[in-house]
Structures are given as structure tokens and as C-alpha cells.
């Protein structure tokens, strides 16, 4: 399983504006940006991202997953704050 495959799967199934996946073995960090997260609780956002990855989780390819989900507006604000610090 390549990181690019995960990014493409998430981008196509969730229609994301941006997605970034990094890994350290079976531990993955995902940043997902899309309008699909609007008006969803953090738990629902996480569930939405995990659903397309359930096969990887079930077969043990993905052991731990850290997810940061943003709406496009929240992502723009977060990037500005990161530049200021």
C-alpha cells in the first residue's frame, strides 16, 4: 500500500480539496480538507475519513491513524496561524 494510493482513494471517495498522508510504518497521519466536513462533529469527520480505509485497518496494514479534518475555510485559517508562529 502506497501513500499515494491512500491519498487518491480519500480524494476520490470524499471529493476532497486537499489530502496529505504521512506514515511511520503502520502509523499514519492524515490531513484532509473538504466541504464534506462542514456541519459535522469531529467524531463524524473522523468516521467519514476512516470509512474508505476500513480494509487497510482490518488487514493490519494501518495500525494507528491520526486524522486532522478541515473545511476549506478552517484550513485557510489554520495555515495563516501556522505562518504567524
C-alpha atoms as a PDB file:
ATOM      1  CA  UNK A   1       0.000   0.000   0.000  1.00  0.00           C
ATOM      2  CA  UNK A   2       1.484   3.289  -1.154  1.00  0.00           C
ATOM      3  CA  UNK A   3       0.736   6.653   0.447  1.00  0.00           C
ATOM      4  CA  UNK A   4      -0.323   7.926  -2.963  1.00  0.00           C
ATOM      5  CA  UNK A   5      -2.952   5.149  -3.157  1.00  0.00           C
ATOM      6  CA  UNK A   6      -4.416   6.223   0.181  1.00  0.00           C
ATOM      7  CA  UNK A   7      -4.451   9.880  -0.874  1.00  0.00           C
ATOM      8  CA  UNK A   8      -6.150   9.046  -4.184  1.00  0.00           C
ATOM      9  CA  UNK A   9      -8.763   6.835  -2.501  1.00  0.00           C
ATOM     10  CA  UNK A  10      -9.645   9.508   0.065  1.00  0.00           C
ATOM     11  CA  UNK A  11      -9.647  12.315  -2.509  1.00  0.00           C
ATOM     12  CA  UNK A  12     -11.941  10.455  -4.901  1.00  0.00           C
ATOM     13  CA  UNK A  13     -14.352   8.905  -2.386  1.00  0.00           C
ATOM     14  CA  UNK A  14     -14.729  12.026  -0.236  1.00  0.00           C
ATOM     15  CA  UNK A  15     -14.209  14.578  -3.019  1.00  0.00           C
ATOM     16  CA  UNK A  16     -11.525  16.366  -1.008  1.00  0.00           C
ATOM     17  CA  UNK A  17      -9.877  19.630  -1.995  1.00  0.00           C
ATOM     18  CA  UNK A  18      -6.576  18.560  -0.432  1.00  0.00           C
ATOM     19  CA  UNK A  19      -5.249  15.445   1.283  1.00  0.00           C
ATOM     20  CA  UNK A  20      -1.872  14.604   2.750  1.00  0.00           C
ATOM     21  CA  UNK A  21      -0.821  11.251   4.184  1.00  0.00           C
ATOM     22  CA  UNK A  22       2.422  10.546   6.033  1.00  0.00           C
ATOM     23  CA  UNK A  23       3.456   7.333   7.710  1.00  0.00           C
ATOM     24  CA  UNK A  24       5.919   5.847  10.125  1.00  0.00           C
ATOM     25  CA  UNK A  25       5.487   2.143   9.462  1.00  0.00           C
ATOM     26  CA  UNK A  26       1.879   1.240  10.272  1.00  0.00           C
ATOM     27  CA  UNK A  27       1.179   4.609  11.965  1.00  0.00           C
ATOM     28  CA  UNK A  28      -0.413   7.179   9.669  1.00  0.00           C
ATOM     29  CA  UNK A  29      -1.071  10.914   9.885  1.00  0.00           C
ATOM     30  CA  UNK A  30      -3.781  12.256   7.596  1.00  0.00           C
ATOM     31  CA  UNK A  31      -4.720  15.843   6.839  1.00  0.00           C
ATOM     32  CA  UNK A  32      -7.958  16.060   4.853  1.00  0.00           C
ATOM     33  CA  UNK A  33      -9.573  19.246   3.565  1.00  0.00           C
ATOM     34  CA  UNK A  34     -13.037  19.331   2.044  1.00  0.00           C
ATOM     35  CA  UNK A  35     -16.525  20.754   2.165  1.00  0.00           C
ATOM     36  CA  UNK A  36     -17.772  17.290   3.184  1.00  0.00           C
ATOM     37  CA  UNK A  37     -16.714  18.116   6.762  1.00  0.00           C
ATOM     38  CA  UNK A  38     -18.959  21.154   7.111  1.00  0.00           C
ATOM     39  CA  UNK A  39     -21.501  20.885   9.921  1.00  0.00           C
ATOM     40  CA  UNK A  40     -20.090  17.533  11.121  1.00  0.00           C
ATOM     41  CA  UNK A  41     -18.803  16.880  14.631  1.00  0.00           C
ATOM     42  CA  UNK A  42     -15.161  15.864  14.985  1.00  0.00           C
ATOM     43  CA  UNK A  43     -16.233  12.280  15.591  1.00  0.00           C
ATOM     44  CA  UNK A  44     -18.316  12.222  12.388  1.00  0.00           C
ATOM     45  CA  UNK A  45     -15.415  13.795  10.453  1.00  0.00           C
ATOM     46  CA  UNK A  46     -13.083  11.059  11.702  1.00  0.00           C
ATOM     47  CA  UNK A  47     -15.591   8.337  10.839  1.00  0.00           C
ATOM     48  CA  UNK A  48     -16.006   9.771   7.345  1.00  0.00           C
ATOM     49  CA  UNK A  49     -12.236   9.580   6.730  1.00  0.00           C
ATOM     50  CA  UNK A  50     -11.873   6.117   8.276  1.00  0.00           C
ATOM     51  CA  UNK A  51     -14.662   4.509   6.244  1.00  0.00           C
ATOM     52  CA  UNK A  52     -12.719   4.277   2.924  1.00  0.00           C
ATOM     53  CA  UNK A  53      -9.701   2.964   4.873  1.00  0.00           C
ATOM     54  CA  UNK A  54     -11.529   0.177   6.710  1.00  0.00           C
ATOM     55  CA  UNK A  55      -9.993  -2.546   4.534  1.00  0.00           C
ATOM     56  CA  UNK A  56      -6.452  -1.387   5.343  1.00  0.00           C
ATOM     57  CA  UNK A  57      -7.302  -1.234   9.041  1.00  0.00           C
ATOM     58  CA  UNK A  58      -8.934  -4.676   9.007  1.00  0.00           C
ATOM     59  CA  UNK A  59      -5.955  -6.368   7.343  1.00  0.00           C
ATOM     60  CA  UNK A  60      -3.484  -4.688   9.722  1.00  0.00           C
ATOM     61  CA  UNK A  61      -1.776  -2.510   7.096  1.00  0.00           C
ATOM     62  CA  UNK A  62      -2.849   0.522   9.114  1.00  0.00           C
ATOM     63  CA  UNK A  63      -2.473   0.162  12.841  1.00  0.00           C
ATOM     64  CA  UNK A  64      -2.808   3.716  14.131  1.00  0.00           C
ATOM     65  CA  UNK A  65      -4.349   6.651  12.296  1.00  0.00           C
ATOM     66  CA  UNK A  66      -4.230  10.306  13.311  1.00  0.00           C
ATOM     67  CA  UNK A  67      -6.718  12.473  11.409  1.00  0.00           C
ATOM     68  CA  UNK A  68      -6.978  16.230  11.103  1.00  0.00           C
ATOM     69  CA  UNK A  69     -10.056  17.139   9.064  1.00  0.00           C
ATOM     70  CA  UNK A  70     -10.718  20.703   7.953  1.00  0.00           C
ATOM     71  CA  UNK A  71     -13.254  22.620   5.955  1.00  0.00           C
ATOM     72  CA  UNK A  72     -11.545  24.798   3.314  1.00  0.00           C
ATOM     73  CA  UNK A  73     -12.231  27.909   5.434  1.00  0.00           C
ATOM     74  CA  UNK A  74     -10.791  26.342   8.611  1.00  0.00           C
ATOM     75  CA  UNK A  75      -7.754  25.077   6.667  1.00  0.00           C
ATOM     76  CA  UNK A  76      -7.016  28.558   5.307  1.00  0.00           C
ATOM     77  CA  UNK A  77      -7.272  29.998   8.833  1.00  0.00           C
ATOM     78  CA  UNK A  78      -5.037  27.261  10.301  1.00  0.00           C
ATOM     79  CA  UNK A  79      -2.372  27.762   7.621  1.00  0.00           C
ATOM     80  CA  UNK A  80      -2.333  31.517   8.368  1.00  0.00           C
ATOM     81  CA  UNK A  81      -1.901  30.848  12.086  1.00  0.00           C
ATOM     82  CA  UNK A  82       0.964  28.443  11.404  1.00  0.00           C
ATOM     83  CA  UNK A  83       2.747  31.104   9.342  1.00  0.00           C
ATOM     84  CA  UNK A  84       2.453  33.612  12.182  1.00  0.00           C
ATOM     85  CA  UNK A  85       4.042  31.320  14.762  1.00  0.00           C
END
